[in-house]
């Protein structure tokens, strides 16, 4: 997928907001095309059959790119989107610190 293809798909896979759209555009401008191709191929060709219980998976309940009903997760973020690492960083940091203290 090209950067232009990703730009066209962004509003389809994630709810648009002016801030997120600008962040997304900025990220696309700096991404290496080979990185984009490899990343998309890894998602499209994922074939894991068993869930590794040692993996802690934090997933957004409002992720339109990888819908929550299609994954096994340890923690969910209410209204979290695929871009929640950028848009909800403080909340994720707090959760990760809590998880680390438990282990």
PDB file of N, CA and C in Angstrom:
ATOM      1  N   UNK A   1       0.850  -1.177   0.000  1.00  0.00           N
ATOM      2  CA  UNK A   1       0.000   0.000   0.000  1.00  0.00           C
ATOM      3  C   UNK A   1       0.892   1.235   0.000  1.00  0.00           C
ATOM      4  N   UNK A   2       0.532   2.180  -0.784  1.00  0.00           N
ATOM      5  CA  UNK A   2       1.296   3.419  -0.863  1.00  0.00           C
ATOM      6  C   UNK A   2       0.873   4.386   0.241  1.00  0.00           C
ATOM      7  N   UNK A   3       1.658   5.446   0.380  1.00  0.00           N
ATOM      8  CA  UNK A   3       1.288   6.478   1.345  1.00  0.00           C
ATOM      9  C   UNK A   3      -0.050   7.101   0.958  1.00  0.00           C
ATOM     10  N   UNK A   4      -0.282   7.262  -0.350  1.00  0.00           N
ATOM     11  CA  UNK A   4      -1.553   7.834  -0.803  1.00  0.00           C
ATOM     12  C   UNK A   4      -2.695   6.889  -0.449  1.00  0.00           C
ATOM     13  N   UNK A   5      -2.484   5.591  -0.623  1.00  0.00           N
ATOM     14  CA  UNK A   5      -3.515   4.617  -0.261  1.00  0.00           C
ATOM     15  C   UNK A   5      -3.825   4.667   1.224  1.00  0.00           C
ATOM     16  N   UNK A   6      -2.801   4.793   2.037  1.00  0.00           N
ATOM     17  CA  UNK A   6      -3.007   4.890   3.487  1.00  0.00           C
ATOM     18  C   UNK A   6      -3.751   6.166   3.841  1.00  0.00           C
ATOM     19  N   UNK A   7      -3.448   7.239   3.157  1.00  0.00           N
ATOM     20  CA  UNK A   7      -4.120   8.520   3.417  1.00  0.00           C
ATOM     21  C   UNK A   7      -5.606   8.420   3.073  1.00  0.00           C
ATOM     22  N   UNK A   8      -5.922   7.704   2.016  1.00  0.00           N
ATOM     23  CA  UNK A   8      -7.319   7.523   1.622  1.00  0.00           C
ATOM     24  C   UNK A   8      -8.038   6.639   2.635  1.00  0.00           C
ATOM     25  N   UNK A   9      -7.361   5.592   3.119  1.00  0.00           N
ATOM     26  CA  UNK A   9      -7.986   4.653   4.049  1.00  0.00           C
ATOM     27  C   UNK A   9      -8.124   5.195   5.469  1.00  0.00           C
ATOM     28  N   UNK A  10      -7.303   6.151   5.883  1.00  0.00           N
ATOM     29  CA  UNK A  10      -7.307   6.620   7.269  1.00  0.00           C
ATOM     30  C   UNK A  10      -8.683   7.017   7.776  1.00  0.00           C
ATOM     31  N   UNK A  11      -9.455   7.827   7.034  1.00  0.00           N
ATOM     32  CA  UNK A  11     -10.765   8.181   7.575  1.00  0.00           C
ATOM     33  C   UNK A  11     -11.729   7.004   7.645  1.00  0.00           C
ATOM     34  N   UNK A  12     -11.466   5.980   6.863  1.00  0.00           N
ATOM     35  CA  UNK A  12     -12.333   4.798   6.881  1.00  0.00           C
ATOM     36  C   UNK A  12     -12.041   3.941   8.105  1.00  0.00           C
ATOM     37  N   UNK A  13     -10.760   3.783   8.445  1.00  0.00           N
ATOM     38  CA  UNK A  13     -10.388   2.881   9.538  1.00  0.00           C
ATOM     39  C   UNK A  13     -10.350   3.548  10.903  1.00  0.00           C
ATOM     40  N   UNK A  14     -10.265   4.860  10.952  1.00  0.00           N
ATOM     41  CA  UNK A  14     -10.234   5.567  12.226  1.00  0.00           C
ATOM     42  C   UNK A  14     -11.148   6.780  12.174  1.00  0.00           C
ATOM     43  N   UNK A  15     -11.874   7.037  13.249  1.00  0.00           N
ATOM     44  CA  UNK A  15     -12.710   8.238  13.274  1.00  0.00           C
ATOM     45  C   UNK A  15     -11.852   9.485  13.109  1.00  0.00           C
ATOM     46  N   UNK A  16     -12.231  10.378  12.216  1.00  0.00           N
ATOM     47  CA  UNK A  16     -11.401  11.549  11.962  1.00  0.00           C
ATOM     48  C   UNK A  16     -11.507  12.603  13.057  1.00  0.00           C
ATOM     49  N   UNK A  17     -10.410  13.220  13.330  1.00  0.00           N
ATOM     50  CA  UNK A  17     -10.376  14.433  14.143  1.00  0.00           C
ATOM     51  C   UNK A  17      -9.255  15.268  13.554  1.00  0.00           C
ATOM     52  N   UNK A  18      -9.373  16.558  13.644  1.00  0.00           N
ATOM     53  CA  UNK A  18      -8.371  17.427  13.018  1.00  0.00           C
ATOM     54  C   UNK A  18      -6.966  17.114  13.528  1.00  0.00           C
ATOM     55  N   UNK A  19      -6.831  16.955  14.837  1.00  0.00           N
ATOM     56  CA  UNK A  19      -5.518  16.688  15.424  1.00  0.00           C
ATOM     57  C   UNK A  19      -4.966  15.345  14.957  1.00  0.00           C
ATOM     58  N   UNK A  20      -5.807  14.297  15.002  1.00  0.00           N
ATOM     59  CA  UNK A  20      -5.354  12.972  14.577  1.00  0.00           C
ATOM     60  C   UNK A  20      -5.014  12.943  13.097  1.00  0.00           C
ATOM     61  N   UNK A  21      -5.789  13.650  12.295  1.00  0.00           N
ATOM     62  CA  UNK A  21      -5.553  13.685  10.857  1.00  0.00           C
ATOM     63  C   UNK A  21      -4.197  14.323  10.566  1.00  0.00           C
ATOM     64  N   UNK A  22      -3.876  15.415  11.247  1.00  0.00           N
ATOM     65  CA  UNK A  22      -2.591  16.088  11.049  1.00  0.00           C
ATOM     66  C   UNK A  22      -1.441  15.193  11.516  1.00  0.00           C
ATOM     67  N   UNK A  23      -1.624  14.508  12.636  1.00  0.00           N
ATOM     68  CA  UNK A  23      -0.600  13.576  13.136  1.00  0.00           C
ATOM     69  C   UNK A  23      -0.389  12.454  12.135  1.00  0.00           C
ATOM     70  N   UNK A  24      -1.483  11.906  11.619  1.00  0.00           N
ATOM     71  CA  UNK A  24      -1.417  10.819  10.645  1.00  0.00           C
ATOM     72  C   UNK A  24      -0.671  11.267   9.388  1.00  0.00           C
ATOM     73  N   UNK A  25      -0.995  12.446   8.882  1.00  0.00           N
ATOM     74  CA  UNK A  25      -0.321  12.968   7.685  1.00  0.00           C
ATOM     75  C   UNK A  25       1.168  13.144   7.937  1.00  0.00           C
ATOM     76  N   UNK A  26       1.518  13.662   9.101  1.00  0.00           N
ATOM     77  CA  UNK A  26       2.919  13.862   9.450  1.00  0.00           C
ATOM     78  C   UNK A  26       3.666  12.523   9.507  1.00  0.00           C
ATOM     79  N   UNK A  27       3.011  11.524  10.100  1.00  0.00           N
ATOM     80  CA  UNK A  27       3.629  10.198  10.180  1.00  0.00           C
ATOM     81  C   UNK A  27       3.846   9.617   8.782  1.00  0.00           C
ATOM     82  N   UNK A  28       2.865   9.756   7.906  1.00  0.00           N
ATOM     83  CA  UNK A  28       2.993   9.219   6.556  1.00  0.00           C
ATOM     84  C   UNK A  28       4.141   9.860   5.790  1.00  0.00           C
ATOM     85  N   UNK A  29       4.327  11.157   5.981  1.00  0.00           N
ATOM     86  CA  UNK A  29       5.386  11.865   5.266  1.00  0.00           C
ATOM     87  C   UNK A  29       6.765  11.341   5.627  1.00  0.00           C
ATOM     88  N   UNK A  30       6.926  10.842   6.859  1.00  0.00           N
ATOM     89  CA  UNK A  30       8.246  10.418   7.315  1.00  0.00           C
ATOM     90  C   UNK A  30       8.457   8.906   7.235  1.00  0.00           C
ATOM     91  N   UNK A  31       7.426   8.146   6.894  1.00  0.00           N
ATOM     92  CA  UNK A  31       7.560   6.682   6.853  1.00  0.00           C
ATOM     93  C   UNK A  31       8.272   6.218   5.594  1.00  0.00           C
ATOM     94  N   UNK A  32       9.166   5.289   5.786  1.00  0.00           N
ATOM     95  CA  UNK A  32       9.847   4.628   4.688  1.00  0.00           C
ATOM     96  C   UNK A  32       8.838   3.705   3.996  1.00  0.00           C
ATOM     97  N   UNK A  33       8.711   3.775   2.670  1.00  0.00           N
ATOM     98  CA  UNK A  33       7.745   2.917   1.962  1.00  0.00           C
ATOM     99  C   UNK A  33       7.945   1.428   2.244  1.00  0.00           C
ATOM    100  N   UNK A  34       9.199   0.987   2.403  1.00  0.00           N
ATOM    101  CA  UNK A  34       9.448  -0.424   2.720  1.00  0.00           C
ATOM    102  C   UNK A  34       8.886  -0.786   4.091  1.00  0.00           C
ATOM    103  N   UNK A  35       9.016   0.118   5.050  1.00  0.00           N
ATOM    104  CA  UNK A  35       8.451  -0.105   6.380  1.00  0.00           C
ATOM    105  C   UNK A  35       6.936  -0.261   6.281  1.00  0.00           C
ATOM    106  N   UNK A  36       6.295   0.614   5.507  1.00  0.00           N
ATOM    107  CA  UNK A  36       4.836   0.545   5.340  1.00  0.00           C
ATOM    108  C   UNK A  36       4.426  -0.801   4.744  1.00  0.00           C
ATOM    109  N   UNK A  37       5.111  -1.224   3.693  1.00  0.00           N
ATOM    110  CA  UNK A  37       4.773  -2.504   3.037  1.00  0.00           C
ATOM    111  C   UNK A  37       4.943  -3.681   4.006  1.00  0.00           C
ATOM    112  N   UNK A  38       6.054  -3.681   4.752  1.00  0.00           N
ATOM    113  CA  UNK A  38       6.294  -4.782   5.691  1.00  0.00           C
ATOM    114  C   UNK A  38       5.246  -4.793   6.798  1.00  0.00           C
ATOM    115  N   UNK A  39       4.908  -3.618   7.324  1.00  0.00           N
ATOM    116  CA  UNK A  39       3.929  -3.535   8.411  1.00  0.00           C
ATOM    117  C   UNK A  39       2.568  -4.045   7.965  1.00  0.00           C
ATOM    118  N   UNK A  40       2.134  -3.614   6.808  1.00  0.00           N
ATOM    119  CA  UNK A  40       0.833  -4.048   6.294  1.00  0.00           C
ATOM    120  C   UNK A  40       0.853  -5.543   5.996  1.00  0.00           C
ATOM    121  N   UNK A  41       1.942  -6.033   5.440  1.00  0.00           N
ATOM    122  CA  UNK A  41       2.050  -7.468   5.144  1.00  0.00           C
ATOM    123  C   UNK A  41       1.991  -8.290   6.431  1.00  0.00           C
ATOM    124  N   UNK A  42       2.647  -7.821   7.505  1.00  0.00           N
ATOM    125  CA  UNK A  42       2.618  -8.564   8.773  1.00  0.00           C
ATOM    126  C   UNK A  42       1.197  -8.675   9.315  1.00  0.00           C
ATOM    127  N   UNK A  43       0.439  -7.600   9.210  1.00  0.00           N
ATOM    128  CA  UNK A  43      -0.943  -7.631   9.696  1.00  0.00           C
ATOM    129  C   UNK A  43      -1.794  -8.534   8.813  1.00  0.00           C
ATOM    130  N   UNK A  44      -1.663  -8.397   7.508  1.00  0.00           N
ATOM    131  CA  UNK A  44      -2.499  -9.157   6.580  1.00  0.00           C
ATOM    132  C   UNK A  44      -2.179 -10.652   6.596  1.00  0.00           C
ATOM    133  N   UNK A  45      -0.921 -11.012   6.879  1.00  0.00           N
ATOM    134  CA  UNK A  45      -0.499 -12.407   6.828  1.00  0.00           C
ATOM    135  C   UNK A  45      -0.388 -13.054   8.207  1.00  0.00           C
ATOM    136  N   UNK A  46      -0.860 -12.389   9.245  1.00  0.00           N
ATOM    137  CA  UNK A  46      -0.775 -12.909  10.612  1.00  0.00           C
ATOM    138  C   UNK A  46      -1.485 -14.253  10.675  1.00  0.00           C
ATOM    139  N   UNK A  47      -0.780 -15.277  11.181  1.00  0.00           N
ATOM    140  CA  UNK A  47      -1.402 -16.603  11.207  1.00  0.00           C
ATOM    141  C   UNK A  47      -1.260 -17.314  12.553  1.00  0.00           C
ATOM    142  N   UNK A  48      -1.088 -16.570  13.608  1.00  0.00           N
ATOM    143  CA  UNK A  48      -0.954 -17.173  14.935  1.00  0.00           C
ATOM    144  C   UNK A  48      -2.227 -17.945  15.266  1.00  0.00           C
ATOM    145  N   UNK A  49      -2.069 -19.177  15.696  1.00  0.00           N
ATOM    146  CA  UNK A  49      -3.210 -20.024  16.019  1.00  0.00           C
ATOM    147  C   UNK A  49      -3.475 -20.084  17.520  1.00  0.00           C
ATOM    148  N   UNK A  50      -2.433 -19.876  18.317  1.00  0.00           N
ATOM    149  CA  UNK A  50      -2.576 -19.944  19.769  1.00  0.00           C
ATOM    150  C   UNK A  50      -2.238 -18.594  20.390  1.00  0.00           C
ATOM    151  N   UNK A  51      -2.933 -18.295  21.454  1.00  0.00           N
ATOM    152  CA  UNK A  51      -2.703 -17.056  22.183  1.00  0.00           C
ATOM    153  C   UNK A  51      -1.654 -17.301  23.260  1.00  0.00           C
ATOM    154  N   UNK A  52      -0.575 -16.549  23.243  1.00  0.00           N
ATOM    155  CA  UNK A  52       0.487 -16.664  24.232  1.00  0.00           C
ATOM    156  C   UNK A  52       0.055 -15.928  25.493  1.00  0.00           C
ATOM    157  N   UNK A  53      -0.149 -16.651  26.575  1.00  0.00           N
ATOM    158  CA  UNK A  53      -0.641 -16.053  27.817  1.00  0.00           C
ATOM    159  C   UNK A  53       0.368 -15.116  28.479  1.00  0.00           C
ATOM    160  N   UNK A  54       1.640 -15.150  28.051  1.00  0.00           N
ATOM    161  CA  UNK A  54       2.649 -14.260  28.609  1.00  0.00           C
ATOM    162  C   UNK A  54       2.633 -12.866  27.975  1.00  0.00           C
ATOM    163  N   UNK A  55       1.888 -12.714  26.900  1.00  0.00           N
ATOM    164  CA  UNK A  55       1.804 -11.423  26.227  1.00  0.00           C
ATOM    165  C   UNK A  55       0.701 -10.593  26.877  1.00  0.00           C
ATOM    166  N   UNK A  56       1.027  -9.380  27.226  1.00  0.00           N
ATOM    167  CA  UNK A  56       0.025  -8.450  27.755  1.00  0.00           C
ATOM    168  C   UNK A  56      -0.401  -7.563  26.591  1.00  0.00           C
ATOM    169  N   UNK A  57      -1.654  -7.685  26.232  1.00  0.00           N
ATOM    170  CA  UNK A  57      -2.185  -6.978  25.063  1.00  0.00           C
ATOM    171  C   UNK A  57      -3.168  -5.913  25.537  1.00  0.00           C
ATOM    172  N   UNK A  58      -2.854  -4.668  25.227  1.00  0.00           N
ATOM    173  CA  UNK A  58      -3.738  -3.540  25.535  1.00  0.00           C
ATOM    174  C   UNK A  58      -4.371  -3.124  24.218  1.00  0.00           C
ATOM    175  N   UNK A  59      -5.706  -3.088  24.192  1.00  0.00           N
ATOM    176  CA  UNK A  59      -6.388  -2.811  22.919  1.00  0.00           C
ATOM    177  C   UNK A  59      -7.497  -1.792  23.109  1.00  0.00           C
ATOM    178  N   UNK A  60      -7.664  -0.916  22.144  1.00  0.00           N
ATOM    179  CA  UNK A  60      -8.719   0.088  22.190  1.00  0.00           C
ATOM    180  C   UNK A  60     -10.062  -0.490  21.782  1.00  0.00           C
ATOM    181  N   UNK A  61     -11.089  -0.159  22.538  1.00  0.00           N
ATOM    182  CA  UNK A  61     -12.433  -0.654  22.231  1.00  0.00           C
ATOM    183  C   UNK A  61     -13.010  -0.028  20.965  1.00  0.00           C
ATOM    184  N   UNK A  62     -12.427   1.080  20.518  1.00  0.00           N
ATOM    185  CA  UNK A  62     -12.927   1.768  19.337  1.00  0.00           C
ATOM    186  C   UNK A  62     -11.888   1.749  18.214  1.00  0.00           C
ATOM    187  N   UNK A  63     -11.118   0.649  18.139  1.00  0.00           N
ATOM    188  CA  UNK A  63     -10.104   0.489  17.101  1.00  0.00           C
ATOM    189  C   UNK A  63     -10.800  -0.042  15.859  1.00  0.00           C
ATOM    190  N   UNK A  64     -10.877   0.785  14.826  1.00  0.00           N
ATOM    191  CA  UNK A  64     -11.529   0.371  13.583  1.00  0.00           C
ATOM    192  C   UNK A  64     -10.564  -0.333  12.647  1.00  0.00           C
ATOM    193  N   UNK A  65      -9.262  -0.177  12.876  1.00  0.00           N
ATOM    194  CA  UNK A  65      -8.267  -0.837  12.033  1.00  0.00           C
ATOM    195  C   UNK A  65      -8.193  -2.320  12.366  1.00  0.00           C
ATOM    196  N   UNK A  66      -8.103  -2.630  13.652  1.00  0.00           N
ATOM    197  CA  UNK A  66      -8.124  -4.011  14.132  1.00  0.00           C
ATOM    198  C   UNK A  66      -9.221  -4.068  15.189  1.00  0.00           C
ATOM    199  N   UNK A  67     -10.457  -4.390  14.776  1.00  0.00           N
ATOM    200  CA  UNK A  67     -11.589  -4.354  15.710  1.00  0.00           C
ATOM    201  C   UNK A  67     -11.383  -5.246  16.933  1.00  0.00           C
ATOM    202  N   UNK A  68     -11.793  -4.742  18.071  1.00  0.00           N
ATOM    203  CA  UNK A  68     -11.586  -5.410  19.359  1.00  0.00           C
ATOM    204  C   UNK A  68     -12.185  -6.819  19.376  1.00  0.00           C
ATOM    205  N   UNK A  69     -13.274  -7.036  18.657  1.00  0.00           N
ATOM    206  CA  UNK A  69     -13.883  -8.371  18.668  1.00  0.00           C
ATOM    207  C   UNK A  69     -13.049  -9.410  17.918  1.00  0.00           C
ATOM    208  N   UNK A  70     -12.002  -8.958  17.215  1.00  0.00           N
ATOM    209  CA  UNK A  70     -11.153  -9.885  16.470  1.00  0.00           C
ATOM    210  C   UNK A  70      -9.865 -10.248  17.201  1.00  0.00           C
ATOM    211  N   UNK A  71      -9.702  -9.795  18.450  1.00  0.00           N
ATOM    212  CA  UNK A  71      -8.449 -10.042  19.165  1.00  0.00           C
ATOM    213  C   UNK A  71      -8.712 -10.547  20.579  1.00  0.00           C
ATOM    214  N   UNK A  72      -7.705 -11.178  21.130  1.00  0.00           N
ATOM    215  CA  UNK A  72      -7.713 -11.531  22.552  1.00  0.00           C
ATOM    216  C   UNK A  72      -6.851 -10.486  23.238  1.00  0.00           C
ATOM    217  N   UNK A  73      -7.366  -9.861  24.263  1.00  0.00           N
ATOM    218  CA  UNK A  73      -6.627  -8.790  24.918  1.00  0.00           C
ATOM    219  C   UNK A  73      -6.651  -8.968  26.422  1.00  0.00           C
ATOM    220  N   UNK A  74      -5.680  -8.371  27.077  1.00  0.00           N
ATOM    221  CA  UNK A  74      -5.577  -8.414  28.531  1.00  0.00           C
ATOM    222  C   UNK A  74      -6.282  -7.216  29.152  1.00  0.00           C
ATOM    223  N   UNK A  75      -6.165  -6.060  28.503  1.00  0.00           N
ATOM    224  CA  UNK A  75      -6.761  -4.817  28.988  1.00  0.00           C
ATOM    225  C   UNK A  75      -7.377  -4.092  27.798  1.00  0.00           C
ATOM    226  N   UNK A  76      -8.524  -3.496  28.030  1.00  0.00           N
ATOM    227  CA  UNK A  76      -9.131  -2.690  26.975  1.00  0.00           C
ATOM    228  C   UNK A  76      -9.201  -1.242  27.439  1.00  0.00           C
ATOM    229  N   UNK A  77      -9.121  -0.353  26.470  1.00  0.00           N
ATOM    230  CA  UNK A  77      -9.215   1.076  26.732  1.00  0.00           C
ATOM    231  C   UNK A  77     -10.535   1.555  26.145  1.00  0.00           C
ATOM    232  N   UNK A  78     -11.416   2.031  27.015  1.00  0.00           N
ATOM    233  CA  UNK A  78     -12.715   2.526  26.572  1.00  0.00           C
ATOM    234  C   UNK A  78     -12.518   3.682  25.592  1.00  0.00           C
ATOM    235  N   UNK A  79     -13.172   3.587  24.457  1.00  0.00           N
ATOM    236  CA  UNK A  79     -13.086   4.583  23.379  1.00  0.00           C
ATOM    237  C   UNK A  79     -11.684   4.727  22.799  1.00  0.00           C
ATOM    238  N   UNK A  80     -10.794   3.799  23.093  1.00  0.00           N
ATOM    239  CA  UNK A  80      -9.438   3.857  22.539  1.00  0.00           C
ATOM    240  C   UNK A  80      -9.440   3.478  21.072  1.00  0.00           C
ATOM    241  N   UNK A  81      -8.722   4.241  20.259  1.00  0.00           N
ATOM    242  CA  UNK A  81      -8.651   3.958  18.826  1.00  0.00           C
ATOM    243  C   UNK A  81      -7.297   3.344  18.486  1.00  0.00           C
ATOM    244  N   UNK A  82      -7.084   3.095  17.206  1.00  0.00           N
ATOM    245  CA  UNK A  82      -5.820   2.542  16.743  1.00  0.00           C
ATOM    246  C   UNK A  82      -4.674   3.525  17.000  1.00  0.00           C
ATOM    247  N   UNK A  83      -5.000   4.790  17.109  1.00  0.00           N
ATOM    248  CA  UNK A  83      -3.984   5.823  17.329  1.00  0.00           C
ATOM    249  C   UNK A  83      -3.893   6.228  18.792  1.00  0.00           C
ATOM    250  N   UNK A  84      -4.404   5.417  19.697  1.00  0.00           N
ATOM    251  CA  UNK A  84      -4.462   5.817  21.101  1.00  0.00           C
ATOM    252  C   UNK A  84      -3.076   5.994  21.737  1.00  0.00           C
ATOM    253  N   UNK A  85      -2.048   5.403  21.185  1.00  0.00           N
ATOM    254  CA  UNK A  85      -0.703   5.629  21.718  1.00  0.00           C
ATOM    255  C   UNK A  85      -0.350   7.110  21.569  1.00  0.00           C
ATOM    256  N   UNK A  86      -0.834   7.728  20.504  1.00  0.00           N
ATOM    257  CA  UNK A  86      -0.588   9.150  20.288  1.00  0.00           C
ATOM    258  C   UNK A  86      -1.599  10.028  21.006  1.00  0.00           C
ATOM    259  N   UNK A  87      -2.849   9.578  21.053  1.00  0.00           N
ATOM    260  CA  UNK A  87      -3.909  10.440  21.575  1.00  0.00           C
ATOM    261  C   UNK A  87      -4.221  10.217  23.050  1.00  0.00           C
ATOM    262  N   UNK A  88      -3.796   9.079  23.601  1.00  0.00           N
ATOM    263  CA  UNK A  88      -4.114   8.759  25.003  1.00  0.00           C
ATOM    264  C   UNK A  88      -2.870   8.276  25.743  1.00  0.00           C
ATOM    265  N   UNK A  89      -1.735   8.869  25.414  1.00  0.00           N
ATOM    266  CA  UNK A  89      -0.452   8.437  25.958  1.00  0.00           C
ATOM    267  C   UNK A  89      -0.374   8.423  27.472  1.00  0.00           C
ATOM    268  N   UNK A  90      -0.902   9.451  28.122  1.00  0.00           N
ATOM    269  CA  UNK A  90      -0.839   9.512  29.586  1.00  0.00           C
ATOM    270  C   UNK A  90      -1.626   8.368  30.226  1.00  0.00           C
ATOM    271  N   UNK A  91      -2.796   8.104  29.690  1.00  0.00           N
ATOM    272  CA  UNK A  91      -3.626   7.014  30.215  1.00  0.00           C
ATOM    273  C   UNK A  91      -2.937   5.658  30.028  1.00  0.00           C
ATOM    274  N   UNK A  92      -2.352   5.453  28.856  1.00  0.00           N
ATOM    275  CA  UNK A  92      -1.646   4.195  28.602  1.00  0.00           C
ATOM    276  C   UNK A  92      -0.418   4.062  29.493  1.00  0.00           C
ATOM    277  N   UNK A  93       0.303   5.138  29.673  1.00  0.00           N
ATOM    278  CA  UNK A  93       1.483   5.122  30.541  1.00  0.00           C
ATOM    279  C   UNK A  93       1.110   4.736  31.968  1.00  0.00           C
ATOM    280  N   UNK A  94       0.019   5.299  32.464  1.00  0.00           N
ATOM    281  CA  UNK A  94      -0.452   4.967  33.815  1.00  0.00           C
ATOM    282  C   UNK A  94      -0.793   3.485  33.911  1.00  0.00           C
ATOM    283  N   UNK A  95      -1.498   2.965  32.900  1.00  0.00           N
ATOM    284  CA  UNK A  95      -1.861   1.547  32.898  1.00  0.00           C
ATOM    285  C   UNK A  95      -0.624   0.662  32.829  1.00  0.00           C
ATOM    286  N   UNK A  96       0.306   0.996  31.965  1.00  0.00           N
ATOM    287  CA  UNK A  96       1.528   0.183  31.826  1.00  0.00           C
ATOM    288  C   UNK A  96       2.310   0.185  33.129  1.00  0.00           C
ATOM    289  N   UNK A  97       2.431   1.331  33.791  1.00  0.00           N
ATOM    290  CA  UNK A  97       3.128   1.385  35.081  1.00  0.00           C
ATOM    291  C   UNK A  97       2.432   0.518  36.111  1.00  0.00           C
ATOM    292  N   UNK A  98       1.097   0.524  36.135  1.00  0.00           N
ATOM    293  CA  UNK A  98       0.334  -0.318  37.045  1.00  0.00           C
ATOM    294  C   UNK A  98       0.595  -1.800  36.769  1.00  0.00           C
ATOM    295  N   UNK A  99       0.589  -2.160  35.486  1.00  0.00           N
ATOM    296  CA  UNK A  99       0.844  -3.558  35.097  1.00  0.00           C
ATOM    297  C   UNK A  99       2.244  -3.983  35.541  1.00  0.00           C
ATOM    298  N   UNK A 100       3.228  -3.119  35.309  1.00  0.00           N
ATOM    299  CA  UNK A 100       4.607  -3.453  35.681  1.00  0.00           C
ATOM    300  C   UNK A 100       4.759  -3.656  37.193  1.00  0.00           C
ATOM    301  N   UNK A 101       4.035  -2.879  37.974  1.00  0.00           N
ATOM    302  CA  UNK A 101       4.093  -3.041  39.423  1.00  0.00           C
ATOM    303  C   UNK A 101       3.476  -4.375  39.880  1.00  0.00           C
ATOM    304  N   UNK A 102       2.537  -4.895  39.112  1.00  0.00           N
ATOM    305  CA  UNK A 102       1.899  -6.174  39.435  1.00  0.00           C
ATOM    306  C   UNK A 102       2.800  -7.369  39.123  1.00  0.00           C
ATOM    307  N   UNK A 103       3.767  -7.193  38.210  1.00  0.00           N
ATOM    308  CA  UNK A 103       4.633  -8.301  37.801  1.00  0.00           C
ATOM    309  C   UNK A 103       5.923  -8.227  38.483  1.00  0.00           C
TER     310      UNK A 103
END
